[in-house]
C-alpha atoms as a PDB file:
ATOM      1  CA  UNK A   1     -19.726  12.892  27.198  1.00  0.00           C
ATOM      2  CA  UNK A   2     -19.540   9.104  27.114  1.00  0.00           C
ATOM      3  CA  UNK A   3     -18.457   7.128  24.073  1.00  0.00           C
ATOM      4  CA  UNK A   4     -21.079   4.589  22.948  1.00  0.00           C
ATOM      5  CA  UNK A   5     -20.554   0.874  23.055  1.00  0.00           C
ATOM      6  CA  UNK A   6     -20.465  -1.495  20.031  1.00  0.00           C
ATOM      7  CA  UNK A   7     -23.237  -0.778  17.498  1.00  0.00           C
ATOM      8  CA  UNK A   8     -24.714  -4.288  17.711  1.00  0.00           C
ATOM      9  CA  UNK A   9     -24.960  -4.170  21.544  1.00  0.00           C
ATOM     10  CA  UNK A  10     -26.997  -0.988  21.988  1.00  0.00           C
ATOM     11  CA  UNK A  11     -30.316  -0.848  23.751  1.00  0.00           C
ATOM     12  CA  UNK A  12     -33.321   0.578  21.818  1.00  0.00           C
ATOM     13  CA  UNK A  13     -33.045   4.007  23.432  1.00  0.00           C
ATOM     14  CA  UNK A  14     -29.407   4.355  22.414  1.00  0.00           C
ATOM     15  CA  UNK A  15     -30.170   2.994  18.947  1.00  0.00           C
ATOM     16  CA  UNK A  16     -32.852   5.652  18.387  1.00  0.00           C
ATOM     17  CA  UNK A  17     -30.572   8.356  19.762  1.00  0.00           C
ATOM     18  CA  UNK A  18     -27.888   7.527  17.153  1.00  0.00           C
ATOM     19  CA  UNK A  19     -29.741   5.790  14.366  1.00  0.00           C
ATOM     20  CA  UNK A  20     -30.613   5.846  10.701  1.00  0.00           C
ATOM     21  CA  UNK A  21     -33.799   4.640   8.965  1.00  0.00           C
ATOM     22  CA  UNK A  22     -33.679   3.847   5.248  1.00  0.00           C
ATOM     23  CA  UNK A  23     -37.162   5.176   4.724  1.00  0.00           C
ATOM     24  CA  UNK A  24     -39.457   4.637   1.769  1.00  0.00           C
ATOM     25  CA  UNK A  25     -40.911   8.134   1.507  1.00  0.00           C
ATOM     26  CA  UNK A  26     -44.644   8.075   0.737  1.00  0.00           C
ATOM     27  CA  UNK A  27     -46.237  10.468  -1.791  1.00  0.00           C
ATOM     28  CA  UNK A  28     -47.780  13.584  -0.361  1.00  0.00           C
ATOM     29  CA  UNK A  29     -45.687  15.010   2.482  1.00  0.00           C
ATOM     30  CA  UNK A  30     -42.414  16.853   1.986  1.00  0.00           C
ATOM     31  CA  UNK A  31     -39.134  15.285   3.089  1.00  0.00           C
ATOM     32  CA  UNK A  32     -38.994  17.835   5.921  1.00  0.00           C
ATOM     33  CA  UNK A  33     -42.428  16.798   7.159  1.00  0.00           C
ATOM     34  CA  UNK A  34     -41.437  13.099   7.034  1.00  0.00           C
ATOM     35  CA  UNK A  35     -38.323  13.809   9.075  1.00  0.00           C
ATOM     36  CA  UNK A  36     -40.439  15.646  11.646  1.00  0.00           C
ATOM     37  CA  UNK A  37     -42.848  12.682  11.912  1.00  0.00           C
ATOM     38  CA  UNK A  38     -39.925  10.295  12.483  1.00  0.00           C
ATOM     39  CA  UNK A  39     -38.542  12.622  15.160  1.00  0.00           C
ATOM     40  CA  UNK A  40     -41.840  12.734  17.013  1.00  0.00           C
ATOM     41  CA  UNK A  41     -42.526   9.004  16.655  1.00  0.00           C
ATOM     42  CA  UNK A  42     -39.066   8.066  17.874  1.00  0.00           C
ATOM     43  CA  UNK A  43     -39.165  10.554  20.765  1.00  0.00           C
ATOM     44  CA  UNK A  44     -35.791  12.103  19.928  1.00  0.00           C
ATOM     45  CA  UNK A  45     -34.704  15.737  19.838  1.00  0.00           C
ATOM     46  CA  UNK A  46     -34.064  15.834  16.124  1.00  0.00           C
ATOM     47  CA  UNK A  47     -34.133  14.004  12.787  1.00  0.00           C
ATOM     48  CA  UNK A  48     -32.546  14.930   9.466  1.00  0.00           C
ATOM     49  CA  UNK A  49     -33.197  13.637   5.994  1.00  0.00           C
ATOM     50  CA  UNK A  50     -30.552  12.848   3.400  1.00  0.00           C
ATOM     51  CA  UNK A  51     -31.585  15.046   0.496  1.00  0.00           C
ATOM     52  CA  UNK A  52     -34.835  16.790  -0.347  1.00  0.00           C
ATOM     53  CA  UNK A  53     -37.583  15.002  -2.264  1.00  0.00           C
ATOM     54  CA  UNK A  54     -40.604  16.868  -3.624  1.00  0.00           C
ATOM     55  CA  UNK A  55     -43.950  15.965  -2.046  1.00  0.00           C
ATOM     56  CA  UNK A  56     -45.093  13.754  -4.956  1.00  0.00           C
ATOM     57  CA  UNK A  57     -41.787  11.870  -5.191  1.00  0.00           C
ATOM     58  CA  UNK A  58     -41.353   8.549  -3.393  1.00  0.00           C
ATOM     59  CA  UNK A  59     -38.488   6.286  -2.478  1.00  0.00           C
ATOM     60  CA  UNK A  60     -35.156   6.169  -0.705  1.00  0.00           C
ATOM     61  CA  UNK A  61     -34.896   8.855   2.006  1.00  0.00           C
ATOM     62  CA  UNK A  62     -32.451   7.944   4.787  1.00  0.00           C
ATOM     63  CA  UNK A  63     -33.406   9.663   8.044  1.00  0.00           C
ATOM     64  CA  UNK A  64     -30.807  10.267  10.767  1.00  0.00           C
ATOM     65  CA  UNK A  65     -32.180  10.365  14.326  1.00  0.00           C
ATOM     66  CA  UNK A  66     -31.064  12.041  17.504  1.00  0.00           C
ATOM     67  CA  UNK A  67     -27.353  12.854  17.732  1.00  0.00           C
ATOM     68  CA  UNK A  68     -26.800  11.289  14.317  1.00  0.00           C
ATOM     69  CA  UNK A  69     -28.188  14.460  12.743  1.00  0.00           C
ATOM     70  CA  UNK A  70     -24.710  15.935  13.316  1.00  0.00           C
ATOM     71  CA  UNK A  71     -23.499  13.606  10.523  1.00  0.00           C
ATOM     72  CA  UNK A  72     -26.027  14.748   7.906  1.00  0.00           C
ATOM     73  CA  UNK A  73     -23.283  16.290   5.803  1.00  0.00           C
ATOM     74  CA  UNK A  74     -22.059  12.860   4.765  1.00  0.00           C
ATOM     75  CA  UNK A  75     -24.961  12.774   2.285  1.00  0.00           C
ATOM     76  CA  UNK A  76     -24.188  16.176   0.705  1.00  0.00           C
ATOM     77  CA  UNK A  77     -22.177  14.768  -2.194  1.00  0.00           C
ATOM     78  CA  UNK A  78     -23.651  11.272  -2.370  1.00  0.00           C
ATOM     79  CA  UNK A  79     -24.773   9.961  -5.720  1.00  0.00           C
ATOM     80  CA  UNK A  80     -28.481   9.522  -6.250  1.00  0.00           C
ATOM     81  CA  UNK A  81     -30.403   6.945  -8.221  1.00  0.00           C
ATOM     82  CA  UNK A  82     -33.874   7.399  -9.739  1.00  0.00           C
ATOM     83  CA  UNK A  83     -36.407   5.721 -11.963  1.00  0.00           C
ATOM     84  CA  UNK A  84     -38.712   8.062 -13.813  1.00  0.00           C
ATOM     85  CA  UNK A  85     -41.227   8.014 -16.602  1.00  0.00           C
ATOM     86  CA  UNK A  86     -40.268  10.221 -19.544  1.00  0.00           C
ATOM     87  CA  UNK A  87     -43.448  11.523 -21.151  1.00  0.00           C
ATOM     88  CA  UNK A  88     -42.414  12.381 -24.717  1.00  0.00           C
ATOM     89  CA  UNK A  89     -44.597  14.598 -26.887  1.00  0.00           C
ATOM     90  CA  UNK A  90     -44.113  12.287 -29.930  1.00  0.00           C
ATOM     91  CA  UNK A  91     -43.362   8.581 -30.360  1.00  0.00           C
ATOM     92  CA  UNK A  92     -40.019   7.461 -28.940  1.00  0.00           C
ATOM     93  CA  UNK A  93     -37.590   7.127 -31.900  1.00  0.00           C
ATOM     94  CA  UNK A  94     -35.657   3.967 -32.695  1.00  0.00           C
ATOM     95  CA  UNK A  95     -32.339   5.649 -31.958  1.00  0.00           C
ATOM     96  CA  UNK A  96     -33.403   6.673 -28.488  1.00  0.00           C
ATOM     97  CA  UNK A  97     -30.494   4.836 -26.793  1.00  0.00           C
ATOM     98  CA  UNK A  98     -27.984   6.925 -28.734  1.00  0.00           C
ATOM     99  CA  UNK A  99     -29.707  10.101 -27.534  1.00  0.00           C
ATOM    100  CA  UNK A 100     -29.506   8.894 -23.934  1.00  0.00           C
ATOM    101  CA  UNK A 101     -25.791   8.122 -24.334  1.00  0.00           C
ATOM    102  CA  UNK A 102     -25.133  11.762 -25.197  1.00  0.00           C
ATOM    103  CA  UNK A 103     -26.468  12.755 -21.790  1.00  0.00           C
ATOM    104  CA  UNK A 104     -24.129  10.481 -19.827  1.00  0.00           C
ATOM    105  CA  UNK A 105     -21.791  13.362 -19.121  1.00  0.00           C
ATOM    106  CA  UNK A 106     -21.480  16.544 -17.052  1.00  0.00           C
ATOM    107  CA  UNK A 107     -24.493  18.728 -17.814  1.00  0.00           C
ATOM    108  CA  UNK A 108     -25.263  22.375 -17.185  1.00  0.00           C
ATOM    109  CA  UNK A 109     -28.422  22.844 -15.168  1.00  0.00           C
ATOM    110  CA  UNK A 110     -30.281  25.816 -13.724  1.00  0.00           C
ATOM    111  CA  UNK A 111     -32.706  24.979 -10.867  1.00  0.00           C
ATOM    112  CA  UNK A 112     -36.423  25.430 -11.692  1.00  0.00           C
ATOM    113  CA  UNK A 113     -38.193  28.630 -10.697  1.00  0.00           C
ATOM    114  CA  UNK A 114     -39.999  26.850  -7.858  1.00  0.00           C
ATOM    115  CA  UNK A 115     -36.732  25.529  -6.411  1.00  0.00           C
ATOM    116  CA  UNK A 116     -35.697  26.437  -2.859  1.00  0.00           C
ATOM    117  CA  UNK A 117     -32.133  27.209  -3.989  1.00  0.00           C
ATOM    118  CA  UNK A 118     -30.732  30.147  -5.988  1.00  0.00           C
ATOM    119  CA  UNK A 119     -31.178  29.743  -9.739  1.00  0.00           C
ATOM    120  CA  UNK A 120     -27.490  29.776 -10.680  1.00  0.00           C
ATOM    121  CA  UNK A 121     -26.150  27.697 -13.561  1.00  0.00           C
ATOM    122  CA  UNK A 122     -24.227  24.716 -12.249  1.00  0.00           C
ATOM    123  CA  UNK A 123     -22.774  21.416 -13.468  1.00  0.00           C
ATOM    124  CA  UNK A 124     -24.110  17.998 -12.500  1.00  0.00           C
ATOM    125  CA  UNK A 125     -22.935  14.693 -13.956  1.00  0.00           C
ATOM    126  CA  UNK A 126     -25.172  11.912 -15.218  1.00  0.00           C
ATOM    127  CA  UNK A 127     -23.255   8.706 -14.531  1.00  0.00           C
ATOM    128  CA  UNK A 128     -25.782   6.301 -16.004  1.00  0.00           C
ATOM    129  CA  UNK A 129     -28.871   6.817 -18.106  1.00  0.00           C
ATOM    130  CA  UNK A 130     -30.663   3.712 -19.384  1.00  0.00           C
ATOM    131  CA  UNK A 131     -34.080   2.994 -20.871  1.00  0.00           C
ATOM    132  CA  UNK A 132     -35.564   0.053 -19.011  1.00  0.00           C
ATOM    133  CA  UNK A 133     -38.674   0.004 -21.174  1.00  0.00           C
ATOM    134  CA  UNK A 134     -40.239   2.086 -23.956  1.00  0.00           C
ATOM    135  CA  UNK A 135     -43.827   2.208 -25.179  1.00  0.00           C
ATOM    136  CA  UNK A 136     -45.070   4.653 -27.808  1.00  0.00           C
ATOM    137  CA  UNK A 137     -44.503   8.068 -26.193  1.00  0.00           C
ATOM    138  CA  UNK A 138     -43.290   6.846 -22.800  1.00  0.00           C
ATOM    139  CA  UNK A 139     -39.933   5.559 -21.552  1.00  0.00           C
ATOM    140  CA  UNK A 140     -39.007   4.214 -18.128  1.00  0.00           C
ATOM    141  CA  UNK A 141     -35.570   5.622 -17.334  1.00  0.00           C
ATOM    142  CA  UNK A 142     -32.960   4.392 -14.831  1.00  0.00           C
ATOM    143  CA  UNK A 143     -30.696   7.217 -13.740  1.00  0.00           C
ATOM    144  CA  UNK A 144     -27.560   7.511 -11.554  1.00  0.00           C
ATOM    145  CA  UNK A 145     -26.457  11.108 -11.065  1.00  0.00           C
ATOM    146  CA  UNK A 146     -24.726  13.621  -8.854  1.00  0.00           C
ATOM    147  CA  UNK A 147     -26.456  14.984  -5.825  1.00  0.00           C
ATOM    148  CA  UNK A 148     -28.484  18.075  -6.720  1.00  0.00           C
ATOM    149  CA  UNK A 149     -29.421  16.919 -10.226  1.00  0.00           C
ATOM    150  CA  UNK A 150     -32.905  18.035 -11.311  1.00  0.00           C
ATOM    151  CA  UNK A 151     -34.501  15.056 -13.063  1.00  0.00           C
ATOM    152  CA  UNK A 152     -37.364  17.258 -14.244  1.00  0.00           C
ATOM    153  CA  UNK A 153     -34.861  19.475 -16.074  1.00  0.00           C
ATOM    154  CA  UNK A 154     -33.102  16.406 -17.482  1.00  0.00           C
ATOM    155  CA  UNK A 155     -36.415  15.134 -18.948  1.00  0.00           C
ATOM    156  CA  UNK A 156     -37.064  18.580 -20.439  1.00  0.00           C
ATOM    157  CA  UNK A 157     -33.633  18.626 -22.070  1.00  0.00           C
ATOM    158  CA  UNK A 158     -34.103  15.085 -23.416  1.00  0.00           C
ATOM    159  CA  UNK A 159     -37.313  16.277 -25.041  1.00  0.00           C
ATOM    160  CA  UNK A 160     -35.439  19.075 -26.763  1.00  0.00           C
ATOM    161  CA  UNK A 161     -32.866  16.578 -28.029  1.00  0.00           C
ATOM    162  CA  UNK A 162     -35.635  14.378 -29.359  1.00  0.00           C
ATOM    163  CA  UNK A 163     -37.102  17.332 -31.229  1.00  0.00           C
ATOM    164  CA  UNK A 164     -40.702  17.138 -30.026  1.00  0.00           C
ATOM    165  CA  UNK A 165     -40.431  17.951 -26.336  1.00  0.00           C
ATOM    166  CA  UNK A 166     -40.958  15.852 -23.179  1.00  0.00           C
ATOM    167  CA  UNK A 167     -41.716  16.209 -19.514  1.00  0.00           C
ATOM    168  CA  UNK A 168     -41.209  14.134 -16.360  1.00  0.00           C
ATOM    169  CA  UNK A 169     -43.963  11.827 -15.200  1.00  0.00           C
ATOM    170  CA  UNK A 170     -43.720   9.734 -12.033  1.00  0.00           C
ATOM    171  CA  UNK A 171     -40.385   9.863 -10.152  1.00  0.00           C
ATOM    172  CA  UNK A 172     -38.981   7.487  -7.549  1.00  0.00           C
ATOM    173  CA  UNK A 173     -35.566   7.617  -5.842  1.00  0.00           C
ATOM    174  CA  UNK A 174     -33.840   4.240  -5.716  1.00  0.00           C
ATOM    175  CA  UNK A 175     -30.493   5.189  -4.187  1.00  0.00           C
ATOM    176  CA  UNK A 176     -28.890   7.703  -1.831  1.00  0.00           C
ATOM    177  CA  UNK A 177     -25.173   7.002  -1.496  1.00  0.00           C
ATOM    178  CA  UNK A 178     -24.793   3.487  -0.047  1.00  0.00           C
ATOM    179  CA  UNK A 179     -28.535   3.248   0.764  1.00  0.00           C
ATOM    180  CA  UNK A 180     -30.824   1.781  -1.871  1.00  0.00           C
ATOM    181  CA  UNK A 181     -34.303   0.425  -2.407  1.00  0.00           C
ATOM    182  CA  UNK A 182     -33.408  -3.163  -1.465  1.00  0.00           C
ATOM    183  CA  UNK A 183     -33.603  -2.396   2.273  1.00  0.00           C
ATOM    184  CA  UNK A 184     -36.364   0.208   2.543  1.00  0.00           C
ATOM    185  CA  UNK A 185     -38.721   0.498   5.519  1.00  0.00           C
ATOM    186  CA  UNK A 186     -42.064   2.308   5.559  1.00  0.00           C
ATOM    187  CA  UNK A 187     -43.459   4.691   8.146  1.00  0.00           C
ATOM    188  CA  UNK A 188     -45.827   1.842   9.139  1.00  0.00           C
ATOM    189  CA  UNK A 189     -42.822  -0.451   9.743  1.00  0.00           C
ATOM    190  CA  UNK A 190     -41.298   2.169  12.071  1.00  0.00           C
ATOM    191  CA  UNK A 191     -44.588   2.681  13.913  1.00  0.00           C
ATOM    192  CA  UNK A 192     -45.016  -1.096  14.355  1.00  0.00           C
ATOM    193  CA  UNK A 193     -41.446  -1.532  15.580  1.00  0.00           C
ATOM    194  CA  UNK A 194     -41.837   1.244  18.140  1.00  0.00           C
ATOM    195  CA  UNK A 195     -45.189  -0.127  19.322  1.00  0.00           C
ATOM    196  CA  UNK A 196     -43.923  -3.677  19.802  1.00  0.00           C
ATOM    197  CA  UNK A 197     -40.954  -2.409  21.790  1.00  0.00           C
ATOM    198  CA  UNK A 198     -42.865   0.066  23.928  1.00  0.00           C
ATOM    199  CA  UNK A 199     -45.915  -2.086  24.575  1.00  0.00           C
ATOM    200  CA  UNK A 200     -44.470  -5.603  24.652  1.00  0.00           C
ATOM    201  CA  UNK A 201     -40.761  -5.087  25.240  1.00  0.00           C
ATOM    202  CA  UNK A 202     -39.879  -6.771  21.938  1.00  0.00           C
ATOM    203  CA  UNK A 203     -37.339  -4.666  19.958  1.00  0.00           C
ATOM    204  CA  UNK A 204     -36.687  -7.210  17.162  1.00  0.00           C
ATOM    205  CA  UNK A 205     -38.789  -5.383  14.572  1.00  0.00           C
ATOM    206  CA  UNK A 206     -37.422  -2.005  15.614  1.00  0.00           C
ATOM    207  CA  UNK A 207     -33.877  -3.253  15.031  1.00  0.00           C
ATOM    208  CA  UNK A 208     -34.894  -4.340  11.495  1.00  0.00           C
ATOM    209  CA  UNK A 209     -36.039  -0.787  10.768  1.00  0.00           C
ATOM    210  CA  UNK A 210     -33.516   1.365  12.652  1.00  0.00           C
ATOM    211  CA  UNK A 211     -29.812   0.765  12.088  1.00  0.00           C
ATOM    212  CA  UNK A 212     -26.905   2.193  14.080  1.00  0.00           C
ATOM    213  CA  UNK A 213     -25.931   5.474  12.446  1.00  0.00           C
ATOM    214  CA  UNK A 214     -22.468   4.075  11.688  1.00  0.00           C
ATOM    215  CA  UNK A 215     -24.134   2.559   8.631  1.00  0.00           C
ATOM    216  CA  UNK A 216     -24.332   6.057   7.147  1.00  0.00           C
ATOM    217  CA  UNK A 217     -20.576   6.542   7.607  1.00  0.00           C
ATOM    218  CA  UNK A 218     -19.430   3.250   6.110  1.00  0.00           C
ATOM    219  CA  UNK A 219     -18.289   4.772   2.816  1.00  0.00           C
ATOM    220  CA  UNK A 220     -15.871   7.248   4.479  1.00  0.00           C
ATOM    221  CA  UNK A 221     -12.145   6.633   5.005  1.00  0.00           C
ATOM    222  CA  UNK A 222     -11.652   5.248   8.498  1.00  0.00           C
ATOM    223  CA  UNK A 223      -9.422   5.963  11.490  1.00  0.00           C
ATOM    224  CA  UNK A 224      -9.485   3.807  14.621  1.00  0.00           C
ATOM    225  CA  UNK A 225      -8.443   5.542  17.825  1.00  0.00           C
ATOM    226  CA  UNK A 226      -7.620   4.269  21.270  1.00  0.00           C
ATOM    227  CA  UNK A 227     -10.400   4.477  23.920  1.00  0.00           C
ATOM    228  CA  UNK A 228      -8.438   7.156  25.820  1.00  0.00           C
ATOM    229  CA  UNK A 229      -8.109   9.223  22.648  1.00  0.00           C
ATOM    230  CA  UNK A 230     -11.840   8.794  21.953  1.00  0.00           C
ATOM    231  CA  UNK A 231     -12.646  10.310  25.367  1.00  0.00           C
ATOM    232  CA  UNK A 232     -10.472  13.329  24.564  1.00  0.00           C
ATOM    233  CA  UNK A 233     -12.019  13.740  21.128  1.00  0.00           C
ATOM    234  CA  UNK A 234     -15.467  13.621  22.695  1.00  0.00           C
ATOM    235  CA  UNK A 235     -14.467  16.709  24.670  1.00  0.00           C
ATOM    236  CA  UNK A 236     -13.240  18.597  21.576  1.00  0.00           C
ATOM    237  CA  UNK A 237      -9.626  17.533  21.123  1.00  0.00           C
ATOM    238  CA  UNK A 238      -8.351  16.929  17.565  1.00  0.00           C
ATOM    239  CA  UNK A 239      -7.230  13.479  16.459  1.00  0.00           C
ATOM    240  CA  UNK A 240      -3.569  13.185  17.408  1.00  0.00           C
ATOM    241  CA  UNK A 241      -1.230  10.666  15.810  1.00  0.00           C
ATOM    242  CA  UNK A 242      -0.313   8.874  19.069  1.00  0.00           C
ATOM    243  CA  UNK A 243      -3.996   8.056  19.603  1.00  0.00           C
ATOM    244  CA  UNK A 244      -4.477   6.426  16.189  1.00  0.00           C
ATOM    245  CA  UNK A 245      -4.123   2.620  16.354  1.00  0.00           C
ATOM    246  CA  UNK A 246      -5.270   1.714  12.842  1.00  0.00           C
ATOM    247  CA  UNK A 247      -6.351   3.366   9.611  1.00  0.00           C
ATOM    248  CA  UNK A 248      -7.842   2.650   6.197  1.00  0.00           C
ATOM    249  CA  UNK A 249      -6.487   5.645   4.310  1.00  0.00           C
ATOM    250  CA  UNK A 250      -4.689   4.187   1.297  1.00  0.00           C
ATOM    251  CA  UNK A 251      -5.069   6.611  -1.598  1.00  0.00           C
ATOM    252  CA  UNK A 252      -7.011   9.157   0.488  1.00  0.00           C
ATOM    253  CA  UNK A 253      -6.246  12.765  -0.323  1.00  0.00           C
ATOM    254  CA  UNK A 254      -5.310  15.332   2.300  1.00  0.00           C
ATOM    255  CA  UNK A 255      -8.309  17.297   3.616  1.00  0.00           C
ATOM    256  CA  UNK A 256     -10.664  14.413   2.830  1.00  0.00           C
ATOM    257  CA  UNK A 257     -13.531  13.861   5.242  1.00  0.00           C
ATOM    258  CA  UNK A 258     -12.818  10.846   7.468  1.00  0.00           C
ATOM    259  CA  UNK A 259     -14.722   9.016  10.227  1.00  0.00           C
ATOM    260  CA  UNK A 260     -13.085   8.029  13.495  1.00  0.00           C
ATOM    261  CA  UNK A 261     -14.092   4.992  15.527  1.00  0.00           C
ATOM    262  CA  UNK A 262     -13.241   3.193  18.740  1.00  0.00           C
ATOM    263  CA  UNK A 263     -11.782  -0.323  18.484  1.00  0.00           C
ATOM    264  CA  UNK A 264     -15.295  -1.752  18.971  1.00  0.00           C
ATOM    265  CA  UNK A 265     -16.626   0.186  15.928  1.00  0.00           C
ATOM    266  CA  UNK A 266     -18.470   2.992  17.708  1.00  0.00           C
ATOM    267  CA  UNK A 267     -18.305   6.287  15.774  1.00  0.00           C
ATOM    268  CA  UNK A 268     -16.563   9.141  17.618  1.00  0.00           C
ATOM    269  CA  UNK A 269     -16.249  12.000  15.147  1.00  0.00           C
ATOM    270  CA  UNK A 270     -15.958  13.275  11.613  1.00  0.00           C
ATOM    271  CA  UNK A 271     -12.812  15.139  10.726  1.00  0.00           C
ATOM    272  CA  UNK A 272     -10.654  16.399   7.875  1.00  0.00           C
ATOM    273  CA  UNK A 273      -7.388  14.619   7.241  1.00  0.00           C
ATOM    274  CA  UNK A 274      -4.428  16.987   7.778  1.00  0.00           C
ATOM    275  CA  UNK A 275      -1.564  14.734   8.893  1.00  0.00           C
ATOM    276  CA  UNK A 276       0.097  11.315   8.783  1.00  0.00           C
ATOM    277  CA  UNK A 277      -1.619   8.713  11.030  1.00  0.00           C
ATOM    278  CA  UNK A 278       1.640   6.753  11.211  1.00  0.00           C
ATOM    279  CA  UNK A 279       3.622   9.699  12.594  1.00  0.00           C
ATOM    280  CA  UNK A 280       4.874   9.836  16.152  1.00  0.00           C
ATOM    281  CA  UNK A 281       3.265  13.187  16.841  1.00  0.00           C
ATOM    282  CA  UNK A 282       1.076  15.908  15.393  1.00  0.00           C
ATOM    283  CA  UNK A 283      -2.565  16.294  14.379  1.00  0.00           C
ATOM    284  CA  UNK A 284      -3.946  13.696  12.013  1.00  0.00           C
ATOM    285  CA  UNK A 285      -7.499  15.068  11.641  1.00  0.00           C
ATOM    286  CA  UNK A 286      -9.097  18.373  12.552  1.00  0.00           C
ATOM    287  CA  UNK A 287     -12.506  17.959  14.089  1.00  0.00           C
ATOM    288  CA  UNK A 288     -15.557  18.628  11.936  1.00  0.00           C
ATOM    289  CA  UNK A 289     -18.308  17.031  14.072  1.00  0.00           C
ATOM    290  CA  UNK A 290     -18.203  15.207  17.402  1.00  0.00           C
ATOM    291  CA  UNK A 291     -20.708  12.364  17.242  1.00  0.00           C
ATOM    292  CA  UNK A 292     -20.954  11.357  20.906  1.00  0.00           C
END
């Protein structure tokens, strides 16, 4: 295995083999189908999406391509943002904001009957719940919540709190972790970028659409390892203290997921912190995923 070069210096083939697209999912196909289309268009062995969206739902769906699919777990606990239309079954009351405030808390939820996961009661936190606009029986809601929150169930429960019932109308995801709707690309953007590169040798548009997959790891605590250590890690060795040349671990708990990089910012692995990076010996991080 060979460690990649700096993210900004990669050729298009290498970029696609370890890339991420902040995709604006269209209505209609499932998130799984969209990921399969991206895989086939890009000509890579695999693609993985960052959190399921129902077919009708649109918006922020980061897609990891090629070897980057090994890092898909970094999205497992990422916060999500949504805008949705609450369709109330009676006029929205004047004290609606106070009702919303009561839901900014950990909530018990059971997945809907049509869900692909087991219907066990679980807790998900609503970090922000604001009404952007209200009109008669409709309210446009801005939501920030834990991964795995069912917005349809939230709308149902809001209706119960209002006393007359409610259901979810249109839904759009605006955020997945550090990815949001300010930098979205469409499937057409990706197709155009690939066509310009393959037919005319111009990769400028492709680079606007596909980012180095390191972007998906930017929120994780960071270890920088020497090039020689990176080569050993690429072949399955853990991260040893003598190979660590820098770290950004202030306040990071033991067993936290960390990302390891070469000095030129190429991702090497994900691992769990188990030791002191400033020590003279011992294991600093146990391998979770080799990314080269």
